[in-house]
């Protein structure tokens, strides 16, 4: 029995398995637009830094669903929207 093809297949499959990432779908939202400084920082700092840290570890990746500027909820419904999820 020739084990060479089996060993070669295993050597190729193991690194591919090690590179597998769990993808997380995550929604980030605000009732205000990103031109408001604290909302803009959610996008430019929080999301970017989270992506950078996760890329360093290599185990997880986030697919961001951005809903800024009242796309998901309006300012007068912020508390109830967060409460309801």
PDB file of N, CA and C in Angstrom:
ATOM      1  N   UNK A   1       0.844  -1.184   0.000  1.00  0.00           N
ATOM      2  CA  UNK A   1       0.000   0.000   0.000  1.00  0.00           C
ATOM      3  C   UNK A   1       0.887   1.245   0.000  1.00  0.00           C
ATOM      4  N   UNK A   2       0.583   2.182  -0.860  1.00  0.00           N
ATOM      5  CA  UNK A   2       1.368   3.393  -0.986  1.00  0.00           C
ATOM      6  C   UNK A   2       0.764   4.485  -0.092  1.00  0.00           C
ATOM      7  N   UNK A   3       1.466   4.874   0.951  1.00  0.00           N
ATOM      8  CA  UNK A   3       0.971   5.873   1.896  1.00  0.00           C
ATOM      9  C   UNK A   3       1.287   7.307   1.472  1.00  0.00           C
ATOM     10  N   UNK A   4       2.109   7.454   0.461  1.00  0.00           N
ATOM     11  CA  UNK A   4       2.530   8.793   0.052  1.00  0.00           C
ATOM     12  C   UNK A   4       1.342   9.706  -0.322  1.00  0.00           C
ATOM     13  N   UNK A   5       0.374   9.258  -1.143  1.00  0.00           N
ATOM     14  CA  UNK A   5      -0.760  10.142  -1.450  1.00  0.00           C
ATOM     15  C   UNK A   5      -1.596  10.475  -0.226  1.00  0.00           C
ATOM     16  N   UNK A   6      -1.742   9.531   0.682  1.00  0.00           N
ATOM     17  CA  UNK A   6      -2.539   9.770   1.890  1.00  0.00           C
ATOM     18  C   UNK A   6      -1.852  10.803   2.769  1.00  0.00           C
ATOM     19  N   UNK A   7      -0.560  10.663   2.958  1.00  0.00           N
ATOM     20  CA  UNK A   7       0.190  11.624   3.768  1.00  0.00           C
ATOM     21  C   UNK A   7       0.190  13.006   3.137  1.00  0.00           C
ATOM     22  N   UNK A   8       0.309  13.052   1.833  1.00  0.00           N
ATOM     23  CA  UNK A   8       0.297  14.340   1.131  1.00  0.00           C
ATOM     24  C   UNK A   8      -1.062  15.018   1.280  1.00  0.00           C
ATOM     25  N   UNK A   9      -2.145  14.266   1.127  1.00  0.00           N
ATOM     26  CA  UNK A   9      -3.490  14.821   1.300  1.00  0.00           C
ATOM     27  C   UNK A   9      -3.680  15.341   2.719  1.00  0.00           C
ATOM     28  N   UNK A  10      -3.186  14.606   3.699  1.00  0.00           N
ATOM     29  CA  UNK A  10      -3.311  15.032   5.093  1.00  0.00           C
ATOM     30  C   UNK A  10      -2.521  16.298   5.358  1.00  0.00           C
ATOM     31  N   UNK A  11      -1.348  16.401   4.798  1.00  0.00           N
ATOM     32  CA  UNK A  11      -0.512  17.587   4.986  1.00  0.00           C
ATOM     33  C   UNK A  11      -1.164  18.826   4.387  1.00  0.00           C
ATOM     34  N   UNK A  12      -1.906  18.648   3.324  1.00  0.00           N
ATOM     35  CA  UNK A  12      -2.602  19.777   2.699  1.00  0.00           C
ATOM     36  C   UNK A  12      -3.870  20.124   3.479  1.00  0.00           C
ATOM     37  N   UNK A  13      -4.587  19.129   3.979  1.00  0.00           N
ATOM     38  CA  UNK A  13      -5.858  19.357   4.665  1.00  0.00           C
ATOM     39  C   UNK A  13      -5.674  19.981   6.039  1.00  0.00           C
ATOM     40  N   UNK A  14      -4.657  19.623   6.766  1.00  0.00           N
ATOM     41  CA  UNK A  14      -4.478  20.138   8.120  1.00  0.00           C
ATOM     42  C   UNK A  14      -4.273  21.646   8.167  1.00  0.00           C
ATOM     43  N   UNK A  15      -3.399  22.248   7.357  1.00  0.00           N
ATOM     44  CA  UNK A  15      -3.286  23.709   7.400  1.00  0.00           C
ATOM     45  C   UNK A  15      -4.577  24.410   7.004  1.00  0.00           C
ATOM     46  N   UNK A  16      -5.316  23.842   6.077  1.00  0.00           N
ATOM     47  CA  UNK A  16      -6.583  24.453   5.679  1.00  0.00           C
ATOM     48  C   UNK A  16      -7.560  24.464   6.843  1.00  0.00           C
ATOM     49  N   UNK A  17      -7.590  23.395   7.625  1.00  0.00           N
ATOM     50  CA  UNK A  17      -8.474  23.332   8.791  1.00  0.00           C
ATOM     51  C   UNK A  17      -8.041  24.344   9.839  1.00  0.00           C
ATOM     52  N   UNK A  18      -6.749  24.528   9.992  1.00  0.00           N
ATOM     53  CA  UNK A  18      -6.239  25.479  10.975  1.00  0.00           C
ATOM     54  C   UNK A  18      -6.579  26.915  10.598  1.00  0.00           C
ATOM     55  N   UNK A  19      -6.748  27.182   9.307  1.00  0.00           N
ATOM     56  CA  UNK A  19      -7.055  28.525   8.848  1.00  0.00           C
ATOM     57  C   UNK A  19      -8.548  28.846   8.873  1.00  0.00           C
ATOM     58  N   UNK A  20      -9.371  27.873   9.203  1.00  0.00           N
ATOM     59  CA  UNK A  20     -10.818  28.082   9.212  1.00  0.00           C
ATOM     60  C   UNK A  20     -11.183  29.140  10.254  1.00  0.00           C
ATOM     61  N   UNK A  21     -12.090  30.025   9.887  1.00  0.00           N
ATOM     62  CA  UNK A  21     -12.546  31.080  10.777  1.00  0.00           C
ATOM     63  C   UNK A  21     -14.034  30.941  11.005  1.00  0.00           C
ATOM     64  N   UNK A  22     -14.441  31.296  12.212  1.00  0.00           N
ATOM     65  CA  UNK A  22     -15.869  31.374  12.487  1.00  0.00           C
ATOM     66  C   UNK A  22     -16.333  32.765  12.083  1.00  0.00           C
ATOM     67  N   UNK A  23     -17.368  32.837  11.272  1.00  0.00           N
ATOM     68  CA  UNK A  23     -17.912  34.116  10.836  1.00  0.00           C
ATOM     69  C   UNK A  23     -19.084  34.484  11.739  1.00  0.00           C
ATOM     70  N   UNK A  24     -19.078  35.719  12.221  1.00  0.00           N
ATOM     71  CA  UNK A  24     -20.133  36.215  13.101  1.00  0.00           C
ATOM     72  C   UNK A  24     -20.848  37.350  12.381  1.00  0.00           C
ATOM     73  N   UNK A  25     -22.138  37.216  12.200  1.00  0.00           N
ATOM     74  CA  UNK A  25     -22.951  38.298  11.637  1.00  0.00           C
ATOM     75  C   UNK A  25     -23.362  39.206  12.785  1.00  0.00           C
ATOM     76  N   UNK A  26     -23.032  40.486  12.685  1.00  0.00           N
ATOM     77  CA  UNK A  26     -23.289  41.418  13.775  1.00  0.00           C
ATOM     78  C   UNK A  26     -23.827  42.724  13.223  1.00  0.00           C
ATOM     79  N   UNK A  27     -24.877  43.221  13.839  1.00  0.00           N
ATOM     80  CA  UNK A  27     -25.459  44.502  13.452  1.00  0.00           C
ATOM     81  C   UNK A  27     -25.012  45.569  14.433  1.00  0.00           C
ATOM     82  N   UNK A  28     -24.517  46.678  13.897  1.00  0.00           N
ATOM     83  CA  UNK A  28     -24.169  47.840  14.702  1.00  0.00           C
ATOM     84  C   UNK A  28     -25.062  48.975  14.216  1.00  0.00           C
ATOM     85  N   UNK A  29     -25.686  49.672  15.159  1.00  0.00           N
ATOM     86  CA  UNK A  29     -26.691  50.657  14.759  1.00  0.00           C
ATOM     87  C   UNK A  29     -26.663  51.884  15.657  1.00  0.00           C
ATOM     88  N   UNK A  30     -27.173  52.967  15.121  1.00  0.00           N
ATOM     89  CA  UNK A  30     -27.360  54.202  15.869  1.00  0.00           C
ATOM     90  C   UNK A  30     -28.469  54.991  15.183  1.00  0.00           C
ATOM     91  N   UNK A  31     -29.188  55.736  15.987  1.00  0.00           N
ATOM     92  CA  UNK A  31     -30.252  56.542  15.401  1.00  0.00           C
ATOM     93  C   UNK A  31     -29.699  57.817  14.765  1.00  0.00           C
ATOM     94  N   UNK A  32     -28.447  58.138  15.068  1.00  0.00           N
ATOM     95  CA  UNK A  32     -27.801  59.320  14.506  1.00  0.00           C
ATOM     96  C   UNK A  32     -26.883  58.909  13.353  1.00  0.00           C
ATOM     97  N   UNK A  33     -26.572  59.841  12.445  1.00  0.00           N
ATOM     98  CA  UNK A  33     -25.666  59.540  11.327  1.00  0.00           C
ATOM     99  C   UNK A  33     -24.209  59.500  11.796  1.00  0.00           C
ATOM    100  N   UNK A  34     -23.353  58.966  10.962  1.00  0.00           N
ATOM    101  CA  UNK A  34     -21.931  58.852  11.301  1.00  0.00           C
ATOM    102  C   UNK A  34     -21.208  60.195  11.300  1.00  0.00           C
ATOM    103  N   UNK A  35     -21.867  61.261  10.875  1.00  0.00           N
ATOM    104  CA  UNK A  35     -21.254  62.589  10.951  1.00  0.00           C
ATOM    105  C   UNK A  35     -21.232  63.103  12.392  1.00  0.00           C
ATOM    106  N   UNK A  36     -22.022  62.511  13.262  1.00  0.00           N
ATOM    107  CA  UNK A  36     -21.973  62.834  14.689  1.00  0.00           C
ATOM    108  C   UNK A  36     -20.733  62.137  15.255  1.00  0.00           C
ATOM    109  N   UNK A  37     -19.857  62.870  15.947  1.00  0.00           N
ATOM    110  CA  UNK A  37     -18.562  62.297  16.341  1.00  0.00           C
ATOM    111  C   UNK A  37     -18.622  60.951  17.061  1.00  0.00           C
ATOM    112  N   UNK A  38     -19.489  60.797  18.042  1.00  0.00           N
ATOM    113  CA  UNK A  38     -19.509  59.538  18.786  1.00  0.00           C
ATOM    114  C   UNK A  38     -20.063  58.385  17.967  1.00  0.00           C
ATOM    115  N   UNK A  39     -20.865  58.665  16.981  1.00  0.00           N
ATOM    116  CA  UNK A  39     -21.358  57.610  16.096  1.00  0.00           C
ATOM    117  C   UNK A  39     -20.295  57.278  15.058  1.00  0.00           C
ATOM    118  N   UNK A  40     -19.651  58.301  14.523  1.00  0.00           N
ATOM    119  CA  UNK A  40     -18.590  58.082  13.555  1.00  0.00           C
ATOM    120  C   UNK A  40     -17.468  57.226  14.111  1.00  0.00           C
ATOM    121  N   UNK A  41     -17.178  57.397  15.405  1.00  0.00           N
ATOM    122  CA  UNK A  41     -16.124  56.604  16.041  1.00  0.00           C
ATOM    123  C   UNK A  41     -16.509  55.133  16.181  1.00  0.00           C
ATOM    124  N   UNK A  42     -17.787  54.855  16.203  1.00  0.00           N
ATOM    125  CA  UNK A  42     -18.207  53.449  16.222  1.00  0.00           C
ATOM    126  C   UNK A  42     -17.688  52.758  14.963  1.00  0.00           C
ATOM    127  N   UNK A  43     -17.749  53.490  13.866  1.00  0.00           N
ATOM    128  CA  UNK A  43     -17.329  52.946  12.576  1.00  0.00           C
ATOM    129  C   UNK A  43     -15.811  53.029  12.380  1.00  0.00           C
ATOM    130  N   UNK A  44     -15.245  54.191  12.638  1.00  0.00           N
ATOM    131  CA  UNK A  44     -13.827  54.394  12.346  1.00  0.00           C
ATOM    132  C   UNK A  44     -12.895  53.810  13.392  1.00  0.00           C
ATOM    133  N   UNK A  45     -13.345  53.694  14.632  1.00  0.00           N
ATOM    134  CA  UNK A  45     -12.465  53.161  15.671  1.00  0.00           C
ATOM    135  C   UNK A  45     -12.916  51.784  16.161  1.00  0.00           C
ATOM    136  N   UNK A  46     -14.132  51.697  16.680  1.00  0.00           N
ATOM    137  CA  UNK A  46     -14.580  50.443  17.287  1.00  0.00           C
ATOM    138  C   UNK A  46     -14.590  49.281  16.295  1.00  0.00           C
ATOM    139  N   UNK A  47     -15.238  49.486  15.148  1.00  0.00           N
ATOM    140  CA  UNK A  47     -15.322  48.409  14.157  1.00  0.00           C
ATOM    141  C   UNK A  47     -13.946  48.076  13.592  1.00  0.00           C
ATOM    142  N   UNK A  48     -13.167  49.112  13.265  1.00  0.00           N
ATOM    143  CA  UNK A  48     -11.841  48.895  12.691  1.00  0.00           C
ATOM    144  C   UNK A  48     -10.915  48.189  13.676  1.00  0.00           C
ATOM    145  N   UNK A  49     -10.943  48.605  14.935  1.00  0.00           N
ATOM    146  CA  UNK A  49     -10.079  47.995  15.945  1.00  0.00           C
ATOM    147  C   UNK A  49     -10.519  46.562  16.253  1.00  0.00           C
ATOM    148  N   UNK A  50     -11.817  46.326  16.278  1.00  0.00           N
ATOM    149  CA  UNK A  50     -12.323  44.971  16.491  1.00  0.00           C
ATOM    150  C   UNK A  50     -11.875  44.054  15.357  1.00  0.00           C
ATOM    151  N   UNK A  51     -12.002  44.528  14.123  1.00  0.00           N
ATOM    152  CA  UNK A  51     -11.546  43.740  12.967  1.00  0.00           C
ATOM    153  C   UNK A  51     -10.044  43.467  13.040  1.00  0.00           C
ATOM    154  N   UNK A  52      -9.273  44.477  13.436  1.00  0.00           N
ATOM    155  CA  UNK A  52      -7.824  44.317  13.526  1.00  0.00           C
ATOM    156  C   UNK A  52      -7.439  43.274  14.579  1.00  0.00           C
ATOM    157  N   UNK A  53      -8.054  43.354  15.745  1.00  0.00           N
ATOM    158  CA  UNK A  53      -7.737  42.409  16.819  1.00  0.00           C
ATOM    159  C   UNK A  53      -8.152  40.984  16.453  1.00  0.00           C
ATOM    160  N   UNK A  54      -9.300  40.842  15.829  1.00  0.00           N
ATOM    161  CA  UNK A  54      -9.748  39.509  15.428  1.00  0.00           C
ATOM    162  C   UNK A  54      -8.855  38.943  14.327  1.00  0.00           C
ATOM    163  N   UNK A  55      -8.379  39.793  13.430  1.00  0.00           N
ATOM    164  CA  UNK A  55      -7.491  39.330  12.362  1.00  0.00           C
ATOM    165  C   UNK A  55      -6.166  38.828  12.930  1.00  0.00           C
ATOM    166  N   UNK A  56      -5.694  39.461  14.003  1.00  0.00           N
ATOM    167  CA  UNK A  56      -4.458  39.014  14.646  1.00  0.00           C
ATOM    168  C   UNK A  56      -4.600  37.603  15.205  1.00  0.00           C
ATOM    169  N   UNK A  57      -5.736  37.334  15.801  1.00  0.00           N
ATOM    170  CA  UNK A  57      -5.961  36.012  16.393  1.00  0.00           C
ATOM    171  C   UNK A  57      -6.334  34.976  15.345  1.00  0.00           C
ATOM    172  N   UNK A  58      -7.058  35.405  14.317  1.00  0.00           N
ATOM    173  CA  UNK A  58      -7.366  34.546  13.192  1.00  0.00           C
ATOM    174  C   UNK A  58      -8.469  33.528  13.393  1.00  0.00           C
ATOM    175  N   UNK A  59      -9.160  33.550  14.525  1.00  0.00           N
ATOM    176  CA  UNK A  59     -10.198  32.548  14.790  1.00  0.00           C
ATOM    177  C   UNK A  59     -11.597  32.998  14.385  1.00  0.00           C
ATOM    178  N   UNK A  60     -11.812  34.301  14.371  1.00  0.00           N
ATOM    179  CA  UNK A  60     -13.152  34.830  14.121  1.00  0.00           C
ATOM    180  C   UNK A  60     -13.076  35.982  13.125  1.00  0.00           C
ATOM    181  N   UNK A  61     -14.198  36.203  12.473  1.00  0.00           N
ATOM    182  CA  UNK A  61     -14.344  37.321  11.542  1.00  0.00           C
ATOM    183  C   UNK A  61     -15.764  37.833  11.674  1.00  0.00           C
ATOM    184  N   UNK A  62     -15.934  39.145  11.674  1.00  0.00           N
ATOM    185  CA  UNK A  62     -17.271  39.738  11.784  1.00  0.00           C
ATOM    186  C   UNK A  62     -17.701  40.259  10.421  1.00  0.00           C
ATOM    187  N   UNK A  63     -18.915  39.907  10.049  1.00  0.00           N
ATOM    188  CA  UNK A  63     -19.567  40.523   8.897  1.00  0.00           C
ATOM    189  C   UNK A  63     -20.494  41.582   9.478  1.00  0.00           C
ATOM    190  N   UNK A  64     -20.118  42.821   9.300  1.00  0.00           N
ATOM    191  CA  UNK A  64     -20.868  43.934   9.892  1.00  0.00           C
ATOM    192  C   UNK A  64     -22.086  44.285   9.051  1.00  0.00           C
ATOM    193  N   UNK A  65     -23.194  44.458   9.709  1.00  0.00           N
ATOM    194  CA  UNK A  65     -24.404  45.015   9.108  1.00  0.00           C
ATOM    195  C   UNK A  65     -24.567  46.394   9.738  1.00  0.00           C
ATOM    196  N   UNK A  66     -24.279  47.434   8.986  1.00  0.00           N
ATOM    197  CA  UNK A  66     -24.303  48.794   9.512  1.00  0.00           C
ATOM    198  C   UNK A  66     -25.680  49.423   9.311  1.00  0.00           C
ATOM    199  N   UNK A  67     -26.220  49.968  10.388  1.00  0.00           N
ATOM    200  CA  UNK A  67     -27.533  50.613  10.329  1.00  0.00           C
ATOM    201  C   UNK A  67     -27.446  51.938  11.083  1.00  0.00           C
ATOM    202  N   UNK A  68     -26.807  52.917  10.467  1.00  0.00           N
ATOM    203  CA  UNK A  68     -26.651  54.228  11.088  1.00  0.00           C
ATOM    204  C   UNK A  68     -27.678  55.195  10.523  1.00  0.00           C
ATOM    205  N   UNK A  69     -27.844  56.309  11.183  1.00  0.00           N
ATOM    206  CA  UNK A  69     -28.719  57.363  10.682  1.00  0.00           C
ATOM    207  C   UNK A  69     -30.195  57.020  10.746  1.00  0.00           C
ATOM    208  N   UNK A  70     -30.575  56.207  11.715  1.00  0.00           N
ATOM    209  CA  UNK A  70     -31.985  55.860  11.870  1.00  0.00           C
ATOM    210  C   UNK A  70     -32.471  54.775  10.928  1.00  0.00           C
ATOM    211  N   UNK A  71     -31.568  54.070  10.286  1.00  0.00           N
ATOM    212  CA  UNK A  71     -31.975  53.022   9.340  1.00  0.00           C
ATOM    213  C   UNK A  71     -32.674  51.857  10.035  1.00  0.00           C
ATOM    214  N   UNK A  72     -32.318  51.602  11.283  1.00  0.00           N
ATOM    215  CA  UNK A  72     -32.913  50.484  12.015  1.00  0.00           C
ATOM    216  C   UNK A  72     -33.966  50.948  13.017  1.00  0.00           C
ATOM    217  N   UNK A  73     -33.711  52.080  13.648  1.00  0.00           N
ATOM    218  CA  UNK A  73     -34.650  52.644  14.616  1.00  0.00           C
ATOM    219  C   UNK A  73     -34.425  54.156  14.693  1.00  0.00           C
ATOM    220  N   UNK A  74     -35.427  54.863  15.127  1.00  0.00           N
ATOM    221  CA  UNK A  74     -35.352  56.321  15.240  1.00  0.00           C
ATOM    222  C   UNK A  74     -34.936  56.710  16.661  1.00  0.00           C
ATOM    223  N   UNK A  75     -34.489  57.951  16.829  1.00  0.00           N
ATOM    224  CA  UNK A  75     -33.959  58.422  18.111  1.00  0.00           C
ATOM    225  C   UNK A  75     -34.960  58.251  19.250  1.00  0.00           C
ATOM    226  N   UNK A  76     -36.238  58.472  18.984  1.00  0.00           N
ATOM    227  CA  UNK A  76     -37.231  58.352  20.048  1.00  0.00           C
ATOM    228  C   UNK A  76     -37.551  56.903  20.414  1.00  0.00           C
ATOM    229  N   UNK A  77     -36.979  55.958  19.697  1.00  0.00           N
ATOM    230  CA  UNK A  77     -37.233  54.542  19.979  1.00  0.00           C
ATOM    231  C   UNK A  77     -35.940  53.788  20.358  1.00  0.00           C
ATOM    232  N   UNK A  78     -34.899  54.526  20.707  1.00  0.00           N
ATOM    233  CA  UNK A  78     -33.600  53.896  20.980  1.00  0.00           C
ATOM    234  C   UNK A  78     -33.687  52.908  22.134  1.00  0.00           C
ATOM    235  N   UNK A  79     -34.209  53.326  23.273  1.00  0.00           N
ATOM    236  CA  UNK A  79     -34.259  52.440  24.441  1.00  0.00           C
ATOM    237  C   UNK A  79     -35.100  51.194  24.198  1.00  0.00           C
ATOM    238  N   UNK A  80     -36.268  51.378  23.625  1.00  0.00           N
ATOM    239  CA  UNK A  80     -37.133  50.215  23.385  1.00  0.00           C
ATOM    240  C   UNK A  80     -36.528  49.300  22.316  1.00  0.00           C
ATOM    241  N   UNK A  81     -35.856  49.859  21.327  1.00  0.00           N
ATOM    242  CA  UNK A  81     -35.234  49.041  20.279  1.00  0.00           C
ATOM    243  C   UNK A  81     -34.086  48.213  20.832  1.00  0.00           C
ATOM    244  N   UNK A  82     -33.263  48.818  21.675  1.00  0.00           N
ATOM    245  CA  UNK A  82     -32.166  48.075  22.287  1.00  0.00           C
ATOM    246  C   UNK A  82     -32.718  47.002  23.220  1.00  0.00           C
ATOM    247  N   UNK A  83     -33.754  47.337  23.954  1.00  0.00           N
ATOM    248  CA  UNK A  83     -34.369  46.391  24.881  1.00  0.00           C
ATOM    249  C   UNK A  83     -34.941  45.161  24.132  1.00  0.00           C
ATOM    250  N   UNK A  84     -35.577  45.425  23.002  1.00  0.00           N
ATOM    251  CA  UNK A  84     -36.194  44.338  22.234  1.00  0.00           C
ATOM    252  C   UNK A  84     -35.175  43.552  21.409  1.00  0.00           C
ATOM    253  N   UNK A  85     -34.007  44.142  21.180  1.00  0.00           N
ATOM    254  CA  UNK A  85     -32.952  43.460  20.428  1.00  0.00           C
ATOM    255  C   UNK A  85     -33.193  43.550  18.969  1.00  0.00           C
TER     256      UNK A  85
END
